[in-house]
Amino acid sequence: MRSPASTGASCGSPPRRRLSTFGAWAVLVLLAAGAGVTSAEPVATAKIAEWAASNRGGRADYLEVSHGRKLDINTLVVPGKVTIVDFSSDYCAPCVGLAMFLIQAGKSHPARYAIRRVDINRPGFVGIDYQSPVARQYGIKGLPFIVIFDAGRRIAEGDAAHKWLVDDLRKLEPPDGAPVQATDGGAPR
């Protein structure tokens, strides 16, 4: 997958672009996320998890949970980090783009973000399972849907969460011309 604004670097290679490009990609992905596009076939969530677990581009604090079962998302909050709970489905194409974006944010700022993907689909369900216990528990009517926690408090959800995240990433962006610094003490990117 290539970011729309990148100059040939794939998501799997170490990020060499500035966060302003990353921020532009964020806006495009988050706008597409609201489009409600679905897929007849499951999309590459195994590849998402594999990339999240790899060292390519850094390490992200990423975990997949639920698979349609009810859960208390408050238990997913990671102390000392902004925790992003990403409700999604293997049949939601925009969810994949958003997941890749969230993982990249986690890899770029591992001390800041923890990503928790909640798959709303029950095992064996084909399509997006809006009737699953977890989807009904949280009133999920459209995907992708994110909830953001900071300092243990729910601070934003849905469209407001998308906006909050893009604004937060912009605050972390270095001034023009400065290299992007890894927040984990690594080398400039």
N, C-alpha and C. Protein backbone atom coordinates (compact mmCIF):
# COMPACT_ATOMS: atom_id res chain seq x y z
N MET A 1 0.85 -1.18 0.00
CA MET A 1 0.00 0.00 0.00
C MET A 1 0.88 1.23 0.00
N ARG A 2 0.58 2.19 -0.80
CA ARG A 2 1.34 3.43 -0.86
C ARG A 2 0.46 4.55 -0.32
N SER A 3 1.10 5.47 0.39
CA SER A 3 0.33 6.62 0.80
C SER A 3 0.12 7.50 -0.42
N PRO A 4 -1.03 8.13 -0.53
CA PRO A 4 -1.30 8.95 -1.71
C PRO A 4 -0.28 10.07 -1.89
N ALA A 5 0.31 10.54 -0.81
CA ALA A 5 1.22 11.68 -0.91
C ALA A 5 2.69 11.28 -0.93
N SER A 6 2.98 9.99 -0.84
CA SER A 6 4.38 9.59 -0.76
C SER A 6 5.04 9.65 -2.13
N THR A 7 6.34 9.61 -2.11
CA THR A 7 7.09 9.64 -3.36
C THR A 7 7.76 8.30 -3.59
N GLY A 8 6.99 7.23 -3.51
CA GLY A 8 7.51 5.93 -3.84
C GLY A 8 7.83 5.05 -2.66
N ALA A 9 7.80 5.54 -1.43
CA ALA A 9 8.08 4.69 -0.27
C ALA A 9 6.82 3.92 0.08
N SER A 10 6.96 2.62 0.29
CA SER A 10 5.79 1.84 0.67
C SER A 10 5.64 1.88 2.18
N CYS A 11 4.46 1.49 2.67
CA CYS A 11 4.21 1.50 4.11
C CYS A 11 5.13 0.56 4.85
N GLY A 12 5.62 -0.49 4.18
CA GLY A 12 6.47 -1.47 4.83
C GLY A 12 7.91 -1.02 4.98
N SER A 13 8.32 0.03 4.28
CA SER A 13 9.69 0.50 4.40
C SER A 13 9.78 1.53 5.51
N PRO A 14 10.97 1.74 6.08
CA PRO A 14 11.09 2.74 7.13
C PRO A 14 10.63 4.10 6.63
N PRO A 15 9.84 4.82 7.42
CA PRO A 15 9.33 6.10 6.96
C PRO A 15 10.47 7.09 6.75
N ARG A 16 10.55 7.65 5.56
CA ARG A 16 11.59 8.60 5.25
C ARG A 16 10.96 9.94 4.88
N ARG A 17 9.64 10.00 4.93
CA ARG A 17 8.96 11.23 4.58
C ARG A 17 8.70 12.05 5.85
N ARG A 18 8.47 13.33 5.63
CA ARG A 18 8.17 14.21 6.76
C ARG A 18 6.76 13.96 7.26
N LEU A 19 6.48 14.35 8.49
CA LEU A 19 5.14 14.16 9.02
C LEU A 19 4.10 15.01 8.31
N SER A 20 4.52 16.08 7.63
CA SER A 20 3.53 16.87 6.90
C SER A 20 2.92 16.00 5.79
N THR A 21 3.73 15.17 5.15
CA THR A 21 3.21 14.23 4.17
C THR A 21 2.34 13.21 4.89
N PHE A 22 2.83 12.74 6.04
CA PHE A 22 2.07 11.81 6.86
C PHE A 22 0.74 12.43 7.24
N GLY A 23 0.75 13.72 7.59
CA GLY A 23 -0.48 14.41 7.95
C GLY A 23 -1.44 14.53 6.76
N ALA A 24 -0.88 14.77 5.57
CA ALA A 24 -1.73 14.82 4.37
C ALA A 24 -2.35 13.46 4.11
N TRP A 25 -1.56 12.41 4.29
CA TRP A 25 -2.07 11.05 4.14
C TRP A 25 -3.19 10.81 5.15
N ALA A 26 -3.00 11.32 6.36
CA ALA A 26 -3.99 11.15 7.42
C ALA A 26 -5.32 11.74 7.00
N VAL A 27 -5.30 12.94 6.45
CA VAL A 27 -6.53 13.59 6.04
C VAL A 27 -7.22 12.77 4.96
N LEU A 28 -6.46 12.30 3.96
CA LEU A 28 -7.05 11.49 2.89
C LEU A 28 -7.63 10.19 3.42
N VAL A 29 -6.89 9.51 4.28
CA VAL A 29 -7.37 8.24 4.83
C VAL A 29 -8.61 8.46 5.68
N LEU A 30 -8.59 9.48 6.51
CA LEU A 30 -9.72 9.72 7.40
C LEU A 30 -10.96 10.17 6.61
N LEU A 31 -10.77 10.90 5.52
CA LEU A 31 -11.91 11.26 4.68
C LEU A 31 -12.47 10.00 4.01
N ALA A 32 -11.59 9.15 3.51
CA ALA A 32 -12.04 7.91 2.87
C ALA A 32 -12.71 7.00 3.88
N ALA A 33 -12.27 7.06 5.12
CA ALA A 33 -12.83 6.21 6.16
C ALA A 33 -14.31 6.47 6.36
N GLY A 34 -14.72 7.68 6.14
CA GLY A 34 -16.13 8.01 6.32
C GLY A 34 -17.00 7.61 5.14
N ALA A 35 -16.39 7.07 4.09
CA ALA A 35 -17.13 6.75 2.88
C ALA A 35 -18.01 5.52 3.00
N GLY A 36 -17.77 4.65 3.99
CA GLY A 36 -18.61 3.48 4.21
C GLY A 36 -18.47 2.42 3.13
N VAL A 37 -17.31 2.31 2.51
CA VAL A 37 -17.08 1.33 1.46
C VAL A 37 -16.92 -0.05 2.10
N THR A 38 -17.60 -1.04 1.54
CA THR A 38 -17.46 -2.40 2.05
C THR A 38 -16.87 -3.28 0.97
N SER A 39 -16.37 -4.41 1.37
CA SER A 39 -15.74 -5.35 0.46
C SER A 39 -16.48 -6.68 0.53
N ALA A 40 -16.60 -7.36 -0.61
CA ALA A 40 -17.25 -8.67 -0.64
C ALA A 40 -16.32 -9.75 -0.10
N GLU A 41 -15.03 -9.46 -0.06
CA GLU A 41 -14.04 -10.40 0.45
C GLU A 41 -13.32 -9.76 1.63
N PRO A 42 -12.87 -10.58 2.58
CA PRO A 42 -12.11 -9.99 3.68
C PRO A 42 -10.81 -9.38 3.15
N VAL A 43 -10.42 -8.28 3.75
CA VAL A 43 -9.20 -7.61 3.33
C VAL A 43 -8.03 -8.07 4.18
N ALA A 44 -6.87 -7.55 3.93
CA ALA A 44 -5.61 -8.11 4.44
C ALA A 44 -5.32 -7.78 5.91
N THR A 45 -6.19 -8.15 6.81
CA THR A 45 -5.94 -7.84 8.23
C THR A 45 -4.76 -8.63 8.79
N ALA A 46 -4.51 -9.82 8.26
CA ALA A 46 -3.34 -10.58 8.72
C ALA A 46 -2.06 -9.83 8.37
N LYS A 47 -2.03 -9.20 7.21
CA LYS A 47 -0.87 -8.40 6.81
C LYS A 47 -0.73 -7.17 7.70
N ILE A 48 -1.86 -6.58 8.10
CA ILE A 48 -1.82 -5.43 9.00
C ILE A 48 -1.16 -5.83 10.32
N ALA A 49 -1.63 -6.93 10.89
CA ALA A 49 -1.08 -7.40 12.17
C ALA A 49 0.39 -7.76 12.02
N GLU A 50 0.75 -8.38 10.90
CA GLU A 50 2.15 -8.75 10.66
C GLU A 50 3.02 -7.51 10.60
N TRP A 51 2.57 -6.50 9.87
CA TRP A 51 3.34 -5.26 9.76
C TRP A 51 3.44 -4.55 11.11
N ALA A 52 2.34 -4.55 11.87
CA ALA A 52 2.35 -3.91 13.19
C ALA A 52 3.36 -4.57 14.11
N ALA A 53 3.50 -5.89 14.02
CA ALA A 53 4.41 -6.63 14.89
C ALA A 53 5.85 -6.55 14.42
N SER A 54 6.07 -6.17 13.17
CA SER A 54 7.43 -6.14 12.64
C SER A 54 8.18 -4.90 13.13
N ASN A 55 9.47 -4.90 12.91
CA ASN A 55 10.30 -3.74 13.22
C ASN A 55 10.39 -2.78 12.06
N ARG A 56 9.74 -3.09 10.94
CA ARG A 56 9.80 -2.21 9.77
C ARG A 56 9.13 -0.88 10.10
N GLY A 57 9.92 0.17 10.10
CA GLY A 57 9.38 1.50 10.39
C GLY A 57 9.20 1.77 11.87
N GLY A 58 9.73 0.93 12.73
CA GLY A 58 9.59 1.10 14.17
C GLY A 58 8.65 0.07 14.76
N ARG A 59 8.40 0.19 16.05
CA ARG A 59 7.51 -0.73 16.76
C ARG A 59 6.26 0.01 17.18
N ALA A 60 5.11 -0.59 16.95
CA ALA A 60 3.84 0.00 17.37
C ALA A 60 3.27 -0.83 18.51
N ASP A 61 2.63 -0.16 19.45
CA ASP A 61 1.90 -0.83 20.53
C ASP A 61 0.51 -1.14 19.97
N TYR A 62 0.35 -2.34 19.39
CA TYR A 62 -0.85 -2.72 18.64
C TYR A 62 -1.37 -4.06 19.14
N LEU A 63 -2.69 -4.15 19.30
CA LEU A 63 -3.31 -5.39 19.76
C LEU A 63 -4.69 -5.52 19.13
N GLU A 64 -5.01 -6.74 18.63
CA GLU A 64 -6.36 -7.02 18.11
C GLU A 64 -7.14 -7.77 19.17
N VAL A 65 -8.42 -7.40 19.36
CA VAL A 65 -9.26 -8.03 20.37
C VAL A 65 -10.69 -8.22 19.87
N SER A 66 -11.49 -8.94 20.60
CA SER A 66 -12.94 -9.11 20.53
C SER A 66 -13.46 -10.16 19.58
N HIS A 67 -13.37 -9.96 18.29
CA HIS A 67 -13.98 -10.86 17.31
C HIS A 67 -15.48 -11.03 17.59
N GLY A 68 -16.15 -9.89 17.78
CA GLY A 68 -17.59 -9.86 17.91
C GLY A 68 -18.13 -9.94 19.33
N ARG A 69 -17.31 -10.38 20.27
CA ARG A 69 -17.78 -10.53 21.66
C ARG A 69 -17.86 -9.18 22.37
N LYS A 70 -18.75 -9.10 23.35
CA LYS A 70 -18.83 -7.90 24.18
C LYS A 70 -17.51 -7.72 24.92
N LEU A 71 -17.17 -6.47 25.19
CA LEU A 71 -16.00 -6.18 26.00
C LEU A 71 -16.12 -4.79 26.58
N ASP A 72 -15.36 -4.54 27.61
CA ASP A 72 -15.30 -3.23 28.24
C ASP A 72 -14.08 -2.53 27.67
N ILE A 73 -14.29 -1.54 26.77
CA ILE A 73 -13.13 -0.91 26.14
C ILE A 73 -12.28 -0.14 27.13
N ASN A 74 -12.82 0.18 28.29
CA ASN A 74 -12.02 0.86 29.32
C ASN A 74 -10.84 -0.02 29.77
N THR A 75 -10.99 -1.34 29.64
CA THR A 75 -9.89 -2.24 30.03
C THR A 75 -8.76 -2.24 29.02
N LEU A 76 -8.97 -1.64 27.86
CA LEU A 76 -7.94 -1.58 26.83
C LEU A 76 -7.02 -0.37 26.99
N VAL A 77 -7.38 0.56 27.87
CA VAL A 77 -6.61 1.78 28.06
C VAL A 77 -5.23 1.45 28.61
N VAL A 78 -4.21 2.05 27.99
CA VAL A 78 -2.82 1.85 28.40
C VAL A 78 -2.38 3.08 29.19
N PRO A 79 -2.05 2.93 30.47
CA PRO A 79 -1.62 4.08 31.27
C PRO A 79 -0.41 4.79 30.66
N GLY A 80 -0.46 6.11 30.63
CA GLY A 80 0.65 6.90 30.13
C GLY A 80 0.67 7.06 28.62
N LYS A 81 -0.31 6.50 27.91
CA LYS A 81 -0.37 6.63 26.46
C LYS A 81 -1.77 7.07 26.03
N VAL A 82 -1.81 7.71 24.86
CA VAL A 82 -3.09 7.96 24.21
C VAL A 82 -3.49 6.61 23.62
N THR A 83 -4.65 6.09 24.03
CA THR A 83 -5.11 4.79 23.54
C THR A 83 -6.20 5.02 22.50
N ILE A 84 -5.98 4.44 21.31
CA ILE A 84 -6.94 4.57 20.22
C ILE A 84 -7.60 3.22 20.03
N VAL A 85 -8.90 3.17 20.28
CA VAL A 85 -9.68 1.94 20.09
C VAL A 85 -10.33 2.05 18.72
N ASP A 86 -9.95 1.14 17.82
CA ASP A 86 -10.37 1.16 16.43
C ASP A 86 -11.36 0.02 16.20
N PHE A 87 -12.66 0.36 16.12
CA PHE A 87 -13.69 -0.64 15.81
C PHE A 87 -13.66 -0.85 14.30
N SER A 88 -13.52 -2.10 13.84
CA SER A 88 -13.45 -2.35 12.41
C SER A 88 -13.92 -3.76 12.07
N SER A 89 -13.89 -4.07 10.77
CA SER A 89 -14.30 -5.37 10.27
C SER A 89 -13.35 -5.78 9.15
N ASP A 90 -13.13 -7.06 9.01
CA ASP A 90 -12.29 -7.55 7.92
C ASP A 90 -12.91 -7.27 6.56
N TYR A 91 -14.19 -6.91 6.51
CA TYR A 91 -14.89 -6.63 5.25
C TYR A 91 -15.02 -5.15 4.96
N CYS A 92 -14.37 -4.32 5.72
CA CYS A 92 -14.45 -2.87 5.58
C CYS A 92 -13.14 -2.37 4.97
N ALA A 93 -13.17 -2.02 3.69
CA ALA A 93 -11.96 -1.56 3.00
C ALA A 93 -11.36 -0.29 3.63
N PRO A 94 -12.15 0.74 3.97
CA PRO A 94 -11.55 1.92 4.60
C PRO A 94 -10.92 1.61 5.96
N CYS A 95 -11.40 0.55 6.62
CA CYS A 95 -10.82 0.17 7.91
C CYS A 95 -9.36 -0.22 7.76
N VAL A 96 -9.01 -0.84 6.63
CA VAL A 96 -7.62 -1.24 6.40
C VAL A 96 -6.74 -0.01 6.26
N GLY A 97 -7.19 0.97 5.47
CA GLY A 97 -6.42 2.20 5.33
C GLY A 97 -6.25 2.90 6.66
N LEU A 98 -7.31 2.96 7.45
CA LEU A 98 -7.23 3.60 8.75
C LEU A 98 -6.30 2.81 9.67
N ALA A 99 -6.37 1.49 9.66
CA ALA A 99 -5.49 0.67 10.50
C ALA A 99 -4.03 0.92 10.16
N MET A 100 -3.71 0.97 8.86
CA MET A 100 -2.33 1.23 8.45
C MET A 100 -1.88 2.61 8.93
N PHE A 101 -2.76 3.60 8.82
CA PHE A 101 -2.46 4.94 9.28
C PHE A 101 -2.21 4.95 10.80
N LEU A 102 -3.09 4.28 11.55
CA LEU A 102 -2.94 4.24 13.01
C LEU A 102 -1.65 3.54 13.41
N ILE A 103 -1.33 2.45 12.73
CA ILE A 103 -0.09 1.74 13.05
C ILE A 103 1.12 2.61 12.74
N GLN A 104 1.07 3.33 11.61
CA GLN A 104 2.18 4.24 11.28
C GLN A 104 2.32 5.31 12.34
N ALA A 105 1.20 5.85 12.82
CA ALA A 105 1.26 6.84 13.90
C ALA A 105 1.89 6.21 15.14
N GLY A 106 1.51 4.95 15.44
CA GLY A 106 2.08 4.25 16.58
C GLY A 106 3.56 3.97 16.41
N LYS A 107 3.99 3.67 15.20
CA LYS A 107 5.41 3.42 14.93
C LYS A 107 6.21 4.72 14.96
N SER A 108 5.62 5.81 14.52
CA SER A 108 6.30 7.10 14.53
C SER A 108 6.41 7.67 15.94
N HIS A 109 5.43 7.33 16.78
CA HIS A 109 5.39 7.88 18.15
C HIS A 109 5.03 6.76 19.13
N PRO A 110 5.91 5.77 19.30
CA PRO A 110 5.57 4.61 20.13
C PRO A 110 5.36 4.93 21.61
N ALA A 111 5.96 5.99 22.09
CA ALA A 111 5.76 6.35 23.50
C ALA A 111 4.44 7.10 23.70
N ARG A 112 3.82 7.53 22.62
CA ARG A 112 2.59 8.33 22.71
C ARG A 112 1.32 7.52 22.51
N TYR A 113 1.30 6.60 21.51
CA TYR A 113 0.05 5.95 21.11
C TYR A 113 0.05 4.44 21.35
N ALA A 114 -1.09 3.94 21.81
CA ALA A 114 -1.38 2.50 21.88
C ALA A 114 -2.63 2.28 21.02
N ILE A 115 -2.54 1.32 20.08
CA ILE A 115 -3.64 1.06 19.16
C ILE A 115 -4.29 -0.26 19.55
N ARG A 116 -5.62 -0.25 19.72
CA ARG A 116 -6.37 -1.46 20.04
C ARG A 116 -7.45 -1.63 18.99
N ARG A 117 -7.30 -2.65 18.14
CA ARG A 117 -8.29 -2.92 17.08
C ARG A 117 -9.34 -3.87 17.61
N VAL A 118 -10.60 -3.46 17.54
CA VAL A 118 -11.72 -4.29 17.97
C VAL A 118 -12.45 -4.76 16.71
N ASP A 119 -12.31 -6.04 16.39
CA ASP A 119 -13.00 -6.63 15.24
C ASP A 119 -14.44 -6.88 15.67
N ILE A 120 -15.39 -6.21 15.01
CA ILE A 120 -16.80 -6.36 15.42
C ILE A 120 -17.42 -7.65 14.91
N ASN A 121 -16.79 -8.31 13.94
CA ASN A 121 -17.38 -9.52 13.35
C ASN A 121 -17.26 -10.73 14.26
N ARG A 122 -18.36 -11.49 14.34
CA ARG A 122 -18.31 -12.80 14.98
C ARG A 122 -17.61 -13.77 14.02
N PRO A 123 -16.92 -14.77 14.55
CA PRO A 123 -16.25 -15.74 13.68
C PRO A 123 -17.23 -16.35 12.68
N GLY A 124 -16.81 -16.43 11.41
CA GLY A 124 -17.62 -17.04 10.36
C GLY A 124 -18.62 -16.11 9.70
N PHE A 125 -18.82 -14.90 10.23
CA PHE A 125 -19.78 -13.98 9.64
C PHE A 125 -19.17 -13.38 8.38
N VAL A 126 -19.94 -13.33 7.29
CA VAL A 126 -19.49 -12.75 6.02
C VAL A 126 -20.14 -11.39 5.87
N GLY A 127 -19.32 -10.37 5.68
CA GLY A 127 -19.81 -9.00 5.60
C GLY A 127 -19.50 -8.27 6.89
N ILE A 128 -20.09 -7.11 7.05
CA ILE A 128 -19.87 -6.33 8.28
C ILE A 128 -21.00 -6.68 9.25
N ASP A 129 -20.63 -7.13 10.42
CA ASP A 129 -21.56 -7.68 11.41
C ASP A 129 -22.04 -6.61 12.40
N TYR A 130 -22.96 -5.76 11.94
CA TYR A 130 -23.48 -4.70 12.81
C TYR A 130 -24.40 -5.24 13.91
N GLN A 131 -24.75 -6.51 13.85
CA GLN A 131 -25.60 -7.12 14.88
C GLN A 131 -24.79 -7.93 15.90
N SER A 132 -23.47 -7.90 15.80
CA SER A 132 -22.66 -8.64 16.77
C SER A 132 -22.84 -8.04 18.16
N PRO A 133 -22.56 -8.82 19.20
CA PRO A 133 -22.71 -8.29 20.56
C PRO A 133 -21.92 -7.00 20.81
N VAL A 134 -20.67 -6.91 20.34
CA VAL A 134 -19.88 -5.71 20.59
C VAL A 134 -20.38 -4.53 19.78
N ALA A 135 -20.84 -4.75 18.54
CA ALA A 135 -21.38 -3.66 17.72
C ALA A 135 -22.66 -3.10 18.36
N ARG A 136 -23.50 -3.98 18.85
CA ARG A 136 -24.74 -3.54 19.51
C ARG A 136 -24.44 -2.87 20.85
N GLN A 137 -23.45 -3.40 21.58
CA GLN A 137 -23.07 -2.83 22.87
C GLN A 137 -22.68 -1.36 22.74
N TYR A 138 -21.92 -1.02 21.68
CA TYR A 138 -21.44 0.35 21.50
C TYR A 138 -22.21 1.13 20.45
N GLY A 139 -23.31 0.55 19.92
CA GLY A 139 -24.15 1.25 18.96
C GLY A 139 -23.43 1.58 17.66
N ILE A 140 -22.56 0.68 17.21
CA ILE A 140 -21.80 0.90 15.98
C ILE A 140 -22.73 0.78 14.78
N LYS A 141 -22.89 1.86 14.04
CA LYS A 141 -23.77 1.89 12.87
C LYS A 141 -22.98 2.10 11.58
N GLY A 142 -21.72 2.47 11.70
CA GLY A 142 -20.86 2.71 10.54
C GLY A 142 -19.41 2.51 10.91
N LEU A 143 -18.63 2.06 9.95
CA LEU A 143 -17.20 1.80 10.16
C LEU A 143 -16.39 2.57 9.14
N PRO A 144 -15.13 2.85 9.48
CA PRO A 144 -14.48 2.61 10.77
C PRO A 144 -14.98 3.60 11.81
N PHE A 145 -14.80 3.23 13.07
CA PHE A 145 -15.24 4.05 14.20
C PHE A 145 -14.14 3.97 15.25
N ILE A 146 -13.63 5.12 15.69
CA ILE A 146 -12.58 5.11 16.71
C ILE A 146 -13.01 5.87 17.95
N VAL A 147 -12.43 5.43 19.07
CA VAL A 147 -12.62 6.09 20.36
C VAL A 147 -11.22 6.36 20.90
N ILE A 148 -10.99 7.58 21.40
CA ILE A 148 -9.67 7.94 21.91
C ILE A 148 -9.75 8.22 23.40
N PHE A 149 -8.78 7.63 24.11
CA PHE A 149 -8.63 7.84 25.55
C PHE A 149 -7.29 8.53 25.78
N ASP A 150 -7.28 9.50 26.69
CA ASP A 150 -6.03 10.14 27.11
C ASP A 150 -6.12 10.32 28.61
N ALA A 151 -5.04 9.97 29.30
CA ALA A 151 -4.98 10.04 30.76
C ALA A 151 -6.15 9.26 31.38
N GLY A 152 -6.50 8.13 30.76
CA GLY A 152 -7.54 7.27 31.29
C GLY A 152 -8.97 7.72 31.04
N ARG A 153 -9.15 8.87 30.38
CA ARG A 153 -10.49 9.40 30.12
C ARG A 153 -10.81 9.31 28.64
N ARG A 154 -12.07 9.01 28.33
CA ARG A 154 -12.54 9.03 26.94
C ARG A 154 -12.64 10.49 26.54
N ILE A 155 -11.87 10.87 25.50
CA ILE A 155 -11.86 12.28 25.11
C ILE A 155 -12.55 12.56 23.79
N ALA A 156 -12.66 11.55 22.93
CA ALA A 156 -13.32 11.78 21.63
C ALA A 156 -13.71 10.44 21.02
N GLU A 157 -14.74 10.49 20.16
CA GLU A 157 -15.13 9.29 19.42
C GLU A 157 -15.72 9.70 18.09
N GLY A 158 -15.74 8.76 17.14
CA GLY A 158 -16.29 9.02 15.82
C GLY A 158 -15.52 10.09 15.07
N ASP A 159 -16.25 10.98 14.39
CA ASP A 159 -15.61 12.04 13.60
C ASP A 159 -14.76 12.97 14.47
N ALA A 160 -15.20 13.24 15.67
CA ALA A 160 -14.43 14.09 16.58
C ALA A 160 -13.08 13.44 16.93
N ALA A 161 -13.06 12.12 17.03
CA ALA A 161 -11.81 11.41 17.31
C ALA A 161 -10.86 11.50 16.13
N HIS A 162 -11.40 11.38 14.91
CA HIS A 162 -10.55 11.53 13.72
C HIS A 162 -9.89 12.90 13.71
N LYS A 163 -10.69 13.94 13.96
CA LYS A 163 -10.16 15.31 13.97
C LYS A 163 -9.14 15.48 15.08
N TRP A 164 -9.44 14.97 16.28
CA TRP A 164 -8.51 15.09 17.40
C TRP A 164 -7.17 14.46 17.06
N LEU A 165 -7.20 13.27 16.45
CA LEU A 165 -5.97 12.56 16.13
C LEU A 165 -5.13 13.31 15.10
N VAL A 166 -5.76 13.81 14.05
CA VAL A 166 -5.02 14.57 13.03
C VAL A 166 -4.41 15.83 13.67
N ASP A 167 -5.17 16.53 14.51
CA ASP A 167 -4.65 17.71 15.20
C ASP A 167 -3.49 17.35 16.12
N ASP A 168 -3.60 16.23 16.83
CA ASP A 168 -2.54 15.80 17.73
C ASP A 168 -1.26 15.48 16.95
N LEU A 169 -1.41 14.80 15.82
CA LEU A 169 -0.24 14.48 14.99
C LEU A 169 0.40 15.75 14.43
N ARG A 170 -0.40 16.72 14.07
CA ARG A 170 0.15 17.99 13.57
C ARG A 170 0.97 18.69 14.65
N LYS A 171 0.54 18.60 15.91
CA LYS A 171 1.29 19.21 17.01
C LYS A 171 2.65 18.54 17.18
N LEU A 172 2.74 17.26 16.83
CA LEU A 172 3.99 16.52 16.96
C LEU A 172 4.91 16.73 15.76
N GLU A 173 4.41 17.38 14.72
CA GLU A 173 5.17 17.59 13.49
C GLU A 173 6.27 18.62 13.73
N PRO A 174 7.50 18.33 13.24
CA PRO A 174 8.59 19.29 13.42
C PRO A 174 8.41 20.49 12.50
N PRO A 175 9.13 21.57 12.77
CA PRO A 175 9.06 22.73 11.88
C PRO A 175 9.56 22.36 10.48
N ASP A 176 9.17 23.15 9.48
CA ASP A 176 9.58 22.88 8.09
C ASP A 176 11.09 22.67 7.99
N GLY A 177 11.46 21.65 7.24
CA GLY A 177 12.86 21.37 6.97
C GLY A 177 13.55 20.52 8.01
N ALA A 178 12.96 20.36 9.18
CA ALA A 178 13.60 19.56 10.22
C ALA A 178 13.29 18.09 9.99
N PRO A 179 14.27 17.21 10.25
CA PRO A 179 13.98 15.77 10.09
C PRO A 179 13.03 15.31 11.18
N VAL A 180 12.23 14.31 10.87
CA VAL A 180 11.32 13.73 11.84
C VAL A 180 12.14 12.92 12.82
N GLN A 181 12.00 13.19 14.10
CA GLN A 181 12.73 12.46 15.13
C GLN A 181 11.86 11.35 15.68
N ALA A 182 12.44 10.19 15.86
CA ALA A 182 11.71 9.09 16.50
C ALA A 182 11.52 9.45 17.95
N THR A 183 10.33 9.20 18.50
CA THR A 183 10.08 9.52 19.90
C THR A 183 10.58 8.43 20.84
N ASP A 184 11.14 7.38 20.26
CA ASP A 184 11.68 6.30 21.09
C ASP A 184 13.19 6.40 21.24
N GLY A 185 13.74 7.57 20.89
CA GLY A 185 15.18 7.78 21.03
C GLY A 185 15.98 7.28 19.84
N GLY A 186 15.30 6.87 18.78
CA GLY A 186 15.98 6.34 17.60
C GLY A 186 16.57 7.45 16.75
N ALA A 187 17.12 7.08 15.63
CA ALA A 187 17.75 8.03 14.70
C ALA A 187 16.69 8.82 13.96
N PRO A 188 17.05 9.99 13.43
CA PRO A 188 16.10 10.77 12.63
C PRO A 188 15.61 9.96 11.46
N ARG A 189 14.37 10.23 11.05
CA ARG A 189 13.78 9.49 9.93
C ARG A 189 13.60 10.39 8.76
